[in-house]
């Protein structure tokens, strides 16, 4: 049975978007989308997000060229979070790492994954 898509944005007009690699299933990053970012993503097939630090829409890879081609959008049961299954065109993290989750917490320290 199909249900109508009615995204539930939070009080700041955002919802969480978890980006995973379409082929491997690896978690690549977490970002936030507003209605404009969600619409741009659906229209273009490239991941767009709301930059909280810049207060504006941004296309992932707009300066680096490391765009995320969205292959599938999964919606959670409450429609307040998404998983974007993507094909990355290069490193995803702004640090140059393949993904944003390259460290683990050990006690009070962040330790690089080996």
PDB file of N, CA and C in Angstrom:
ATOM      1  N   UNK A   1       0.843  -1.166   0.000  1.00  0.00           N
ATOM      2  CA  UNK A   1       0.000   0.000   0.000  1.00  0.00           C
ATOM      3  C   UNK A   1       0.896   1.239   0.000  1.00  0.00           C
ATOM      4  N   UNK A   2       0.606   2.177  -0.860  1.00  0.00           N
ATOM      5  CA  UNK A   2       1.404   3.403  -0.906  1.00  0.00           C
ATOM      6  C   UNK A   2       0.802   4.459   0.012  1.00  0.00           C
ATOM      7  N   UNK A   3       1.663   5.340   0.447  1.00  0.00           N
ATOM      8  CA  UNK A   3       1.273   6.418   1.345  1.00  0.00           C
ATOM      9  C   UNK A   3       1.841   7.710   0.767  1.00  0.00           C
ATOM     10  N   UNK A   4       1.161   8.779   0.940  1.00  0.00           N
ATOM     11  CA  UNK A   4       1.612  10.074   0.428  1.00  0.00           C
ATOM     12  C   UNK A   4       2.841  10.559   1.202  1.00  0.00           C
ATOM     13  N   UNK A   5       3.818  11.102   0.481  1.00  0.00           N
ATOM     14  CA  UNK A   5       5.024  11.659   1.097  1.00  0.00           C
ATOM     15  C   UNK A   5       4.695  13.021   1.695  1.00  0.00           C
ATOM     16  N   UNK A   6       4.863  13.115   3.019  1.00  0.00           N
ATOM     17  CA  UNK A   6       4.611  14.347   3.756  1.00  0.00           C
ATOM     18  C   UNK A   6       5.758  14.534   4.763  1.00  0.00           C
ATOM     19  N   UNK A   7       6.892  15.053   4.284  1.00  0.00           N
ATOM     20  CA  UNK A   7       8.047  15.181   5.181  1.00  0.00           C
ATOM     21  C   UNK A   7       7.740  16.070   6.380  1.00  0.00           C
ATOM     22  N   UNK A   8       8.239  15.644   7.543  1.00  0.00           N
ATOM     23  CA  UNK A   8       8.018  16.385   8.789  1.00  0.00           C
ATOM     24  C   UNK A   8       9.314  17.081   9.185  1.00  0.00           C
ATOM     25  N   UNK A   9       9.402  18.341   8.841  1.00  0.00           N
ATOM     26  CA  UNK A   9      10.560  19.142   9.181  1.00  0.00           C
ATOM     27  C   UNK A   9      10.468  19.562  10.645  1.00  0.00           C
ATOM     28  N   UNK A  10      11.632  19.738  11.284  1.00  0.00           N
ATOM     29  CA  UNK A  10      11.638  20.150  12.689  1.00  0.00           C
ATOM     30  C   UNK A  10      11.309  21.639  12.816  1.00  0.00           C
ATOM     31  N   UNK A  11      11.426  22.176  14.025  1.00  0.00           N
ATOM     32  CA  UNK A  11      11.058  23.571  14.272  1.00  0.00           C
ATOM     33  C   UNK A  11      11.949  24.563  13.520  1.00  0.00           C
ATOM     34  N   UNK A  12      13.105  24.113  13.064  1.00  0.00           N
ATOM     35  CA  UNK A  12      13.998  24.958  12.270  1.00  0.00           C
ATOM     36  C   UNK A  12      13.813  24.727  10.768  1.00  0.00           C
ATOM     37  N   UNK A  13      12.836  23.891  10.422  1.00  0.00           N
ATOM     38  CA  UNK A  13      12.558  23.615   9.020  1.00  0.00           C
ATOM     39  C   UNK A  13      13.511  22.614   8.391  1.00  0.00           C
ATOM     40  N   UNK A  14      14.116  21.736   9.215  1.00  0.00           N
ATOM     41  CA  UNK A  14      15.114  20.789   8.725  1.00  0.00           C
ATOM     42  C   UNK A  14      14.720  19.355   9.036  1.00  0.00           C
ATOM     43  N   UNK A  15      15.284  18.440   8.254  1.00  0.00           N
ATOM     44  CA  UNK A  15      15.223  17.024   8.580  1.00  0.00           C
ATOM     45  C   UNK A  15      16.580  16.416   8.296  1.00  0.00           C
ATOM     46  N   UNK A  16      16.899  15.357   9.023  1.00  0.00           N
ATOM     47  CA  UNK A  16      18.194  14.701   8.895  1.00  0.00           C
ATOM     48  C   UNK A  16      18.242  13.871   7.619  1.00  0.00           C
ATOM     49  N   UNK A  17      19.401  13.907   6.962  1.00  0.00           N
ATOM     50  CA  UNK A  17      19.624  13.105   5.762  1.00  0.00           C
ATOM     51  C   UNK A  17      20.945  12.359   5.932  1.00  0.00           C
ATOM     52  N   UNK A  18      20.855  11.052   6.025  1.00  0.00           N
ATOM     53  CA  UNK A  18      22.033  10.201   6.154  1.00  0.00           C
ATOM     54  C   UNK A  18      22.402   9.741   4.751  1.00  0.00           C
ATOM     55  N   UNK A  19      23.663   9.960   4.373  1.00  0.00           N
ATOM     56  CA  UNK A  19      24.122   9.575   3.049  1.00  0.00           C
ATOM     57  C   UNK A  19      24.895   8.270   3.160  1.00  0.00           C
ATOM     58  N   UNK A  20      24.489   7.282   2.367  1.00  0.00           N
ATOM     59  CA  UNK A  20      25.197   6.006   2.320  1.00  0.00           C
ATOM     60  C   UNK A  20      25.612   5.720   0.884  1.00  0.00           C
ATOM     61  N   UNK A  21      26.701   4.985   0.756  1.00  0.00           N
ATOM     62  CA  UNK A  21      27.173   4.567  -0.563  1.00  0.00           C
ATOM     63  C   UNK A  21      26.198   3.540  -1.125  1.00  0.00           C
ATOM     64  N   UNK A  22      25.698   3.783  -2.307  1.00  0.00           N
ATOM     65  CA  UNK A  22      24.702   2.898  -2.899  1.00  0.00           C
ATOM     66  C   UNK A  22      25.200   1.470  -3.034  1.00  0.00           C
ATOM     67  N   UNK A  23      26.455   1.300  -3.424  1.00  0.00           N
ATOM     68  CA  UNK A  23      26.984  -0.042  -3.676  1.00  0.00           C
ATOM     69  C   UNK A  23      27.428  -0.768  -2.408  1.00  0.00           C
ATOM     70  N   UNK A  24      28.193  -0.083  -1.549  1.00  0.00           N
ATOM     71  CA  UNK A  24      28.763  -0.750  -0.374  1.00  0.00           C
ATOM     72  C   UNK A  24      27.855  -0.685   0.856  1.00  0.00           C
ATOM     73  N   UNK A  25      26.985   0.314   0.911  1.00  0.00           N
ATOM     74  CA  UNK A  25      26.154   0.512   2.093  1.00  0.00           C
ATOM     75  C   UNK A  25      26.868   1.261   3.205  1.00  0.00           C
ATOM     76  N   UNK A  26      28.120   1.676   2.976  1.00  0.00           N
ATOM     77  CA  UNK A  26      28.867   2.422   3.988  1.00  0.00           C
ATOM     78  C   UNK A  26      28.204   3.768   4.256  1.00  0.00           C
ATOM     79  N   UNK A  27      28.160   4.159   5.526  1.00  0.00           N
ATOM     80  CA  UNK A  27      27.648   5.472   5.892  1.00  0.00           C
ATOM     81  C   UNK A  27      28.721   6.496   5.542  1.00  0.00           C
ATOM     82  N   UNK A  28      28.343   7.508   4.762  1.00  0.00           N
ATOM     83  CA  UNK A  28      29.303   8.503   4.301  1.00  0.00           C
ATOM     84  C   UNK A  28      29.235   9.814   5.063  1.00  0.00           C
ATOM     85  N   UNK A  29      28.040  10.289   5.350  1.00  0.00           N
ATOM     86  CA  UNK A  29      27.905  11.577   6.026  1.00  0.00           C
ATOM     87  C   UNK A  29      26.489  11.759   6.544  1.00  0.00           C
ATOM     88  N   UNK A  30      26.330  12.759   7.399  1.00  0.00           N
ATOM     89  CA  UNK A  30      25.027  13.196   7.874  1.00  0.00           C
ATOM     90  C   UNK A  30      24.929  14.679   7.568  1.00  0.00           C
ATOM     91  N   UNK A  31      23.818  15.091   7.016  1.00  0.00           N
ATOM     92  CA  UNK A  31      23.592  16.507   6.728  1.00  0.00           C
ATOM     93  C   UNK A  31      22.113  16.785   6.973  1.00  0.00           C
ATOM     94  N   UNK A  32      21.712  18.027   6.735  1.00  0.00           N
ATOM     95  CA  UNK A  32      20.330  18.414   6.960  1.00  0.00           C
ATOM     96  C   UNK A  32      19.743  19.008   5.692  1.00  0.00           C
ATOM     97  N   UNK A  33      18.469  18.756   5.494  1.00  0.00           N
ATOM     98  CA  UNK A  33      17.764  19.261   4.327  1.00  0.00           C
ATOM     99  C   UNK A  33      16.580  20.106   4.782  1.00  0.00           C
ATOM    100  N   UNK A  34      16.362  21.200   4.066  1.00  0.00           N
ATOM    101  CA  UNK A  34      15.117  21.946   4.231  1.00  0.00           C
ATOM    102  C   UNK A  34      14.273  21.642   2.992  1.00  0.00           C
ATOM    103  N   UNK A  35      13.112  22.272   2.876  1.00  0.00           N
ATOM    104  CA  UNK A  35      12.254  21.953   1.732  1.00  0.00           C
ATOM    105  C   UNK A  35      12.915  22.310   0.401  1.00  0.00           C
ATOM    106  N   UNK A  36      13.709  23.373   0.367  1.00  0.00           N
ATOM    107  CA  UNK A  36      14.397  23.779  -0.859  1.00  0.00           C
ATOM    108  C   UNK A  36      15.459  22.741  -1.259  1.00  0.00           C
ATOM    109  N   UNK A  37      16.225  22.247  -0.294  1.00  0.00           N
ATOM    110  CA  UNK A  37      17.249  21.244  -0.577  1.00  0.00           C
ATOM    111  C   UNK A  37      16.618  19.933  -1.039  1.00  0.00           C
ATOM    112  N   UNK A  38      15.537  19.544  -0.401  1.00  0.00           N
ATOM    113  CA  UNK A  38      14.840  18.319  -0.787  1.00  0.00           C
ATOM    114  C   UNK A  38      14.297  18.444  -2.209  1.00  0.00           C
ATOM    115  N   UNK A  39      13.704  19.576  -2.525  1.00  0.00           N
ATOM    116  CA  UNK A  39      13.172  19.791  -3.875  1.00  0.00           C
ATOM    117  C   UNK A  39      14.286  19.780  -4.911  1.00  0.00           C
ATOM    118  N   UNK A  40      15.405  20.461  -4.631  1.00  0.00           N
ATOM    119  CA  UNK A  40      16.523  20.510  -5.582  1.00  0.00           C
ATOM    120  C   UNK A  40      17.117  19.122  -5.795  1.00  0.00           C
ATOM    121  N   UNK A  41      17.204  18.342  -4.734  1.00  0.00           N
ATOM    122  CA  UNK A  41      17.722  16.976  -4.836  1.00  0.00           C
ATOM    123  C   UNK A  41      16.812  16.134  -5.718  1.00  0.00           C
ATOM    124  N   UNK A  42      15.537  16.213  -5.495  1.00  0.00           N
ATOM    125  CA  UNK A  42      14.583  15.420  -6.273  1.00  0.00           C
ATOM    126  C   UNK A  42      14.549  15.864  -7.728  1.00  0.00           C
ATOM    127  N   UNK A  43      14.702  17.165  -7.982  1.00  0.00           N
ATOM    128  CA  UNK A  43      14.648  17.682  -9.358  1.00  0.00           C
ATOM    129  C   UNK A  43      15.905  17.369 -10.157  1.00  0.00           C
ATOM    130  N   UNK A  44      17.071  17.426  -9.512  1.00  0.00           N
ATOM    131  CA  UNK A  44      18.336  17.297 -10.247  1.00  0.00           C
ATOM    132  C   UNK A  44      18.970  15.921 -10.175  1.00  0.00           C
ATOM    133  N   UNK A  45      18.662  15.163  -9.126  1.00  0.00           N
ATOM    134  CA  UNK A  45      19.309  13.874  -8.934  1.00  0.00           C
ATOM    135  C   UNK A  45      20.659  13.984  -8.239  1.00  0.00           C
ATOM    136  N   UNK A  46      21.036  15.204  -7.837  1.00  0.00           N
ATOM    137  CA  UNK A  46      22.261  15.433  -7.078  1.00  0.00           C
ATOM    138  C   UNK A  46      21.893  15.903  -5.676  1.00  0.00           C
ATOM    139  N   UNK A  47      22.652  15.442  -4.669  1.00  0.00           N
ATOM    140  CA  UNK A  47      22.351  15.781  -3.286  1.00  0.00           C
ATOM    141  C   UNK A  47      22.577  17.263  -3.011  1.00  0.00           C
ATOM    142  N   UNK A  48      21.559  17.890  -2.472  1.00  0.00           N
ATOM    143  CA  UNK A  48      21.602  19.277  -2.003  1.00  0.00           C
ATOM    144  C   UNK A  48      21.230  19.263  -0.525  1.00  0.00           C
ATOM    145  N   UNK A  49      21.826  20.171   0.218  1.00  0.00           N
ATOM    146  CA  UNK A  49      21.564  20.243   1.650  1.00  0.00           C
ATOM    147  C   UNK A  49      21.389  21.690   2.066  1.00  0.00           C
ATOM    148  N   UNK A  50      20.960  21.858   3.314  1.00  0.00           N
ATOM    149  CA  UNK A  50      20.911  23.190   3.902  1.00  0.00           C
ATOM    150  C   UNK A  50      22.153  23.336   4.760  1.00  0.00           C
ATOM    151  N   UNK A  51      22.993  24.314   4.448  1.00  0.00           N
ATOM    152  CA  UNK A  51      24.174  24.576   5.251  1.00  0.00           C
ATOM    153  C   UNK A  51      23.763  25.414   6.454  1.00  0.00           C
ATOM    154  N   UNK A  52      23.852  24.820   7.617  1.00  0.00           N
ATOM    155  CA  UNK A  52      23.497  25.556   8.833  1.00  0.00           C
ATOM    156  C   UNK A  52      24.521  26.654   9.118  1.00  0.00           C
ATOM    157  N   UNK A  53      25.792  26.412   8.805  1.00  0.00           N
ATOM    158  CA  UNK A  53      26.816  27.423   9.075  1.00  0.00           C
ATOM    159  C   UNK A  53      26.723  28.608   8.118  1.00  0.00           C
ATOM    160  N   UNK A  54      26.350  28.337   6.869  1.00  0.00           N
ATOM    161  CA  UNK A  54      26.238  29.419   5.880  1.00  0.00           C
ATOM    162  C   UNK A  54      24.812  29.943   5.749  1.00  0.00           C
ATOM    163  N   UNK A  55      23.869  29.184   6.286  1.00  0.00           N
ATOM    164  CA  UNK A  55      22.472  29.593   6.226  1.00  0.00           C
ATOM    165  C   UNK A  55      21.915  29.627   4.814  1.00  0.00           C
ATOM    166  N   UNK A  56      22.323  28.657   3.996  1.00  0.00           N
ATOM    167  CA  UNK A  56      21.861  28.654   2.607  1.00  0.00           C
ATOM    168  C   UNK A  56      21.887  27.248   2.017  1.00  0.00           C
ATOM    169  N   UNK A  57      21.265  27.139   0.872  1.00  0.00           N
ATOM    170  CA  UNK A  57      21.270  25.900   0.098  1.00  0.00           C
ATOM    171  C   UNK A  57      22.667  25.656  -0.452  1.00  0.00           C
ATOM    172  N   UNK A  58      23.113  24.406  -0.429  1.00  0.00           N
ATOM    173  CA  UNK A  58      24.368  24.073  -1.095  1.00  0.00           C
ATOM    174  C   UNK A  58      24.270  22.704  -1.756  1.00  0.00           C
ATOM    175  N   UNK A  59      24.834  22.622  -2.926  1.00  0.00           N
ATOM    176  CA  UNK A  59      24.928  21.356  -3.649  1.00  0.00           C
ATOM    177  C   UNK A  59      26.224  20.697  -3.220  1.00  0.00           C
ATOM    178  N   UNK A  60      26.152  19.479  -2.714  1.00  0.00           N
ATOM    179  CA  UNK A  60      27.353  18.761  -2.307  1.00  0.00           C
ATOM    180  C   UNK A  60      28.269  18.644  -3.510  1.00  0.00           C
ATOM    181  N   UNK A  61      29.508  19.102  -3.347  1.00  0.00           N
ATOM    182  CA  UNK A  61      30.489  19.042  -4.427  1.00  0.00           C
ATOM    183  C   UNK A  61      30.506  20.260  -5.324  1.00  0.00           C
ATOM    184  N   UNK A  62      29.760  21.308  -4.954  1.00  0.00           N
ATOM    185  CA  UNK A  62      29.676  22.485  -5.823  1.00  0.00           C
ATOM    186  C   UNK A  62      31.032  23.145  -6.047  1.00  0.00           C
ATOM    187  N   UNK A  63      31.948  23.036  -5.099  1.00  0.00           N
ATOM    188  CA  UNK A  63      33.287  23.599  -5.309  1.00  0.00           C
ATOM    189  C   UNK A  63      34.331  22.521  -5.559  1.00  0.00           C
ATOM    190  N   UNK A  64      34.188  21.362  -4.935  1.00  0.00           N
ATOM    191  CA  UNK A  64      35.186  20.293  -5.070  1.00  0.00           C
ATOM    192  C   UNK A  64      34.966  19.420  -6.297  1.00  0.00           C
ATOM    193  N   UNK A  65      33.742  19.391  -6.788  1.00  0.00           N
ATOM    194  CA  UNK A  65      33.409  18.470  -7.874  1.00  0.00           C
ATOM    195  C   UNK A  65      33.013  17.087  -7.381  1.00  0.00           C
ATOM    196  N   UNK A  66      33.105  16.859  -6.072  1.00  0.00           N
ATOM    197  CA  UNK A  66      32.771  15.557  -5.494  1.00  0.00           C
ATOM    198  C   UNK A  66      31.275  15.473  -5.201  1.00  0.00           C
ATOM    199  N   UNK A  67      30.491  15.477  -6.264  1.00  0.00           N
ATOM    200  CA  UNK A  67      29.040  15.447  -6.129  1.00  0.00           C
ATOM    201  C   UNK A  67      28.559  14.076  -5.679  1.00  0.00           C
ATOM    202  N   UNK A  68      27.350  14.057  -5.186  1.00  0.00           N
ATOM    203  CA  UNK A  68      26.679  12.817  -4.810  1.00  0.00           C
ATOM    204  C   UNK A  68      25.494  12.621  -5.743  1.00  0.00           C
ATOM    205  N   UNK A  69      25.546  11.603  -6.558  1.00  0.00           N
ATOM    206  CA  UNK A  69      24.426  11.270  -7.427  1.00  0.00           C
ATOM    207  C   UNK A  69      23.476  10.387  -6.635  1.00  0.00           C
ATOM    208  N   UNK A  70      22.258  10.861  -6.470  1.00  0.00           N
ATOM    209  CA  UNK A  70      21.276  10.155  -5.651  1.00  0.00           C
ATOM    210  C   UNK A  70      20.600   9.080  -6.485  1.00  0.00           C
ATOM    211  N   UNK A  71      20.709   7.851  -6.019  1.00  0.00           N
ATOM    212  CA  UNK A  71      20.083   6.725  -6.714  1.00  0.00           C
ATOM    213  C   UNK A  71      18.735   6.362  -6.095  1.00  0.00           C
ATOM    214  N   UNK A  72      18.602   6.632  -4.789  1.00  0.00           N
ATOM    215  CA  UNK A  72      17.372   6.237  -4.099  1.00  0.00           C
ATOM    216  C   UNK A  72      17.249   7.049  -2.810  1.00  0.00           C
ATOM    217  N   UNK A  73      16.028   7.406  -2.459  1.00  0.00           N
ATOM    218  CA  UNK A  73      15.760   8.103  -1.204  1.00  0.00           C
ATOM    219  C   UNK A  73      14.845   7.216  -0.364  1.00  0.00           C
ATOM    220  N   UNK A  74      15.320   6.859   0.821  1.00  0.00           N
ATOM    221  CA  UNK A  74      14.516   6.087   1.760  1.00  0.00           C
ATOM    222  C   UNK A  74      13.968   7.037   2.815  1.00  0.00           C
ATOM    223  N   UNK A  75      12.736   6.809   3.215  1.00  0.00           N
ATOM    224  CA  UNK A  75      12.051   7.676   4.174  1.00  0.00           C
ATOM    225  C   UNK A  75      11.723   6.857   5.418  1.00  0.00           C
ATOM    226  N   UNK A  76      12.065   7.386   6.591  1.00  0.00           N
ATOM    227  CA  UNK A  76      11.778   6.631   7.810  1.00  0.00           C
ATOM    228  C   UNK A  76      10.285   6.657   8.131  1.00  0.00           C
ATOM    229  N   UNK A  77       9.899   5.874   9.117  1.00  0.00           N
ATOM    230  CA  UNK A  77       8.490   5.669   9.436  1.00  0.00           C
ATOM    231  C   UNK A  77       7.759   6.947   9.829  1.00  0.00           C
ATOM    232  N   UNK A  78       8.462   7.898  10.440  1.00  0.00           N
ATOM    233  CA  UNK A  78       7.831   9.157  10.848  1.00  0.00           C
ATOM    234  C   UNK A  78       7.966  10.260   9.807  1.00  0.00           C
ATOM    235  N   UNK A  79       8.672   9.978   8.730  1.00  0.00           N
ATOM    236  CA  UNK A  79       8.925  10.933   7.651  1.00  0.00           C
ATOM    237  C   UNK A  79       9.691  12.161   8.129  1.00  0.00           C
ATOM    238  N   UNK A  80      10.556  11.966   9.149  1.00  0.00           N
ATOM    239  CA  UNK A  80      11.370  13.086   9.618  1.00  0.00           C
ATOM    240  C   UNK A  80      12.868  12.849   9.443  1.00  0.00           C
ATOM    241  N   UNK A  81      13.218  11.783   8.739  1.00  0.00           N
ATOM    242  CA  UNK A  81      14.619  11.494   8.431  1.00  0.00           C
ATOM    243  C   UNK A  81      14.678  10.727   7.120  1.00  0.00           C
ATOM    244  N   UNK A  82      15.770  10.934   6.396  1.00  0.00           N
ATOM    245  CA  UNK A  82      15.951  10.285   5.100  1.00  0.00           C
ATOM    246  C   UNK A  82      17.287   9.561   5.051  1.00  0.00           C
ATOM    247  N   UNK A  83      17.343   8.555   4.231  1.00  0.00           N
ATOM    248  CA  UNK A  83      18.612   7.954   3.824  1.00  0.00           C
ATOM    249  C   UNK A  83      18.723   8.181   2.328  1.00  0.00           C
ATOM    250  N   UNK A  84      19.836   8.789   1.915  1.00  0.00           N
ATOM    251  CA  UNK A  84      20.103   8.981   0.495  1.00  0.00           C
ATOM    252  C   UNK A  84      21.119   7.931   0.076  1.00  0.00           C
ATOM    253  N   UNK A  85      20.737   7.041  -0.799  1.00  0.00           N
ATOM    254  CA  UNK A  85      21.672   6.059  -1.351  1.00  0.00           C
ATOM    255  C   UNK A  85      22.291   6.689  -2.582  1.00  0.00           C
ATOM    256  N   UNK A  86      23.598   6.917  -2.505  1.00  0.00           N
ATOM    257  CA  UNK A  86      24.270   7.741  -3.513  1.00  0.00           C
ATOM    258  C   UNK A  86      25.492   7.064  -4.111  1.00  0.00           C
ATOM    259  N   UNK A  87      25.883   7.570  -5.279  1.00  0.00           N
ATOM    260  CA  UNK A  87      27.157   7.246  -5.894  1.00  0.00           C
ATOM    261  C   UNK A  87      28.036   8.481  -5.711  1.00  0.00           C
ATOM    262  N   UNK A  88      29.078   8.393  -4.864  1.00  0.00           N
ATOM    263  CA  UNK A  88      29.952   9.543  -4.665  1.00  0.00           C
ATOM    264  C   UNK A  88      30.955   9.673  -5.809  1.00  0.00           C
ATOM    265  N   UNK A  89      31.232  10.921  -6.206  1.00  0.00           N
ATOM    266  CA  UNK A  89      32.190  11.176  -7.279  1.00  0.00           C
ATOM    267  C   UNK A  89      33.603  11.377  -6.744  1.00  0.00           C
ATOM    268  N   UNK A  90      33.801  11.202  -5.459  1.00  0.00           N
ATOM    269  CA  UNK A  90      35.108  11.384  -4.835  1.00  0.00           C
ATOM    270  C   UNK A  90      34.937  11.399  -3.331  1.00  0.00           C
ATOM    271  N   UNK A  91      35.967  11.852  -2.616  1.00  0.00           N
ATOM    272  CA  UNK A  91      35.860  11.928  -1.162  1.00  0.00           C
ATOM    273  C   UNK A  91      34.647  12.761  -0.754  1.00  0.00           C
ATOM    274  N   UNK A  92      33.975  12.330   0.298  1.00  0.00           N
ATOM    275  CA  UNK A  92      32.749  12.996   0.738  1.00  0.00           C
ATOM    276  C   UNK A  92      33.018  14.049   1.807  1.00  0.00           C
ATOM    277  N   UNK A  93      33.960  13.784   2.697  1.00  0.00           N
ATOM    278  CA  UNK A  93      34.209  14.694   3.818  1.00  0.00           C
ATOM    279  C   UNK A  93      34.989  15.928   3.372  1.00  0.00           C
ATOM    280  N   UNK A  94      34.666  17.065   3.982  1.00  0.00           N
ATOM    281  CA  UNK A  94      35.382  18.307   3.665  1.00  0.00           C
ATOM    282  C   UNK A  94      36.860  18.243   4.060  1.00  0.00           C
ATOM    283  N   UNK A  95      37.230  17.232   4.877  1.00  0.00           N
ATOM    284  CA  UNK A  95      38.635  17.059   5.261  1.00  0.00           C
ATOM    285  C   UNK A  95      39.433  16.330   4.190  1.00  0.00           C
ATOM    286  N   UNK A  96      38.725  15.805   3.195  1.00  0.00           N
ATOM    287  CA  UNK A  96      39.382  15.006   2.161  1.00  0.00           C
ATOM    288  C   UNK A  96      39.278  13.513   2.388  1.00  0.00           C
ATOM    289  N   UNK A  97      38.699  13.123   3.520  1.00  0.00           N
ATOM    290  CA  UNK A  97      38.503  11.704   3.813  1.00  0.00           C
ATOM    291  C   UNK A  97      37.360  11.156   2.948  1.00  0.00           C
ATOM    292  N   UNK A  98      37.399   9.852   2.712  1.00  0.00           N
ATOM    293  CA  UNK A  98      36.360   9.221   1.888  1.00  0.00           C
ATOM    294  C   UNK A  98      34.973   9.408   2.478  1.00  0.00           C
ATOM    295  N   UNK A  99      34.884   9.404   3.813  1.00  0.00           N
ATOM    296  CA  UNK A  99      33.616   9.633   4.485  1.00  0.00           C
ATOM    297  C   UNK A  99      33.872  10.461   5.737  1.00  0.00           C
ATOM    298  N   UNK A 100      32.810  10.900   6.379  1.00  0.00           N
ATOM    299  CA  UNK A 100      32.949  11.760   7.561  1.00  0.00           C
ATOM    300  C   UNK A 100      33.128  10.973   8.849  1.00  0.00           C
ATOM    301  N   UNK A 101      33.016   9.652   8.775  1.00  0.00           N
ATOM    302  CA  UNK A 101      33.102   8.816   9.973  1.00  0.00           C
ATOM    303  C   UNK A 101      34.392   8.007   9.949  1.00  0.00           C
ATOM    304  N   UNK A 102      35.515   8.704  10.082  1.00  0.00           N
ATOM    305  CA  UNK A 102      36.831   8.072   9.980  1.00  0.00           C
ATOM    306  C   UNK A 102      37.529   7.962  11.333  1.00  0.00           C
ATOM    307  N   UNK A 103      36.803   8.280  12.422  1.00  0.00           N
ATOM    308  CA  UNK A 103      37.362   8.180  13.773  1.00  0.00           C
ATOM    309  C   UNK A 103      36.395   7.436  14.674  1.00  0.00           C
ATOM    310  N   UNK A 104      36.948   6.847  15.725  1.00  0.00           N
ATOM    311  CA  UNK A 104      36.102   6.210  16.728  1.00  0.00           C
ATOM    312  C   UNK A 104      36.443   6.791  18.086  1.00  0.00           C
ATOM    313  N   UNK A 105      35.488   6.729  18.985  1.00  0.00           N
ATOM    314  CA  UNK A 105      35.650   7.249  20.330  1.00  0.00           C
ATOM    315  C   UNK A 105      36.214   6.159  21.226  1.00  0.00           C
ATOM    316  N   UNK A 106      37.356   6.454  21.843  1.00  0.00           N
ATOM    317  CA  UNK A 106      37.965   5.558  22.834  1.00  0.00           C
ATOM    318  C   UNK A 106      38.186   6.381  24.088  1.00  0.00           C
ATOM    319  N   UNK A 107      37.360   6.136  25.095  1.00  0.00           N
ATOM    320  CA  UNK A 107      37.421   6.946  26.310  1.00  0.00           C
ATOM    321  C   UNK A 107      37.031   8.372  25.977  1.00  0.00           C
ATOM    322  N   UNK A 108      37.953   9.297  26.156  1.00  0.00           N
ATOM    323  CA  UNK A 108      37.708  10.714  25.854  1.00  0.00           C
ATOM    324  C   UNK A 108      38.467  11.164  24.606  1.00  0.00           C
ATOM    325  N   UNK A 109      38.939  10.214  23.791  1.00  0.00           N
ATOM    326  CA  UNK A 109      39.777  10.543  22.637  1.00  0.00           C
ATOM    327  C   UNK A 109      39.178  10.007  21.340  1.00  0.00           C
ATOM    328  N   UNK A 110      39.401  10.768  20.279  1.00  0.00           N
ATOM    329  CA  UNK A 110      39.029  10.323  18.934  1.00  0.00           C
ATOM    330  C   UNK A 110      40.239   9.677  18.305  1.00  0.00           C
ATOM    331  N   UNK A 111      40.063   8.447  17.869  1.00  0.00           N
ATOM    332  CA  UNK A 111      41.159   7.660  17.323  1.00  0.00           C
ATOM    333  C   UNK A 111      40.834   7.310  15.881  1.00  0.00           C
ATOM    334  N   UNK A 112      41.780   7.542  14.947  1.00  0.00           N
ATOM    335  CA  UNK A 112      41.519   7.196  13.548  1.00  0.00           C
ATOM    336  C   UNK A 112      41.229   5.704  13.387  1.00  0.00           C
ATOM    337  N   UNK A 113      40.296   5.393  12.513  1.00  0.00           N
ATOM    338  CA  UNK A 113      40.037   3.994  12.182  1.00  0.00           C
ATOM    339  C   UNK A 113      41.217   3.482  11.364  1.00  0.00           C
ATOM    340  N   UNK A 114      41.591   2.236  11.597  1.00  0.00           N
ATOM    341  CA  UNK A 114      42.718   1.701  10.834  1.00  0.00           C
ATOM    342  C   UNK A 114      42.276   0.957   9.613  1.00  0.00           C
TER     343      UNK A 114
END
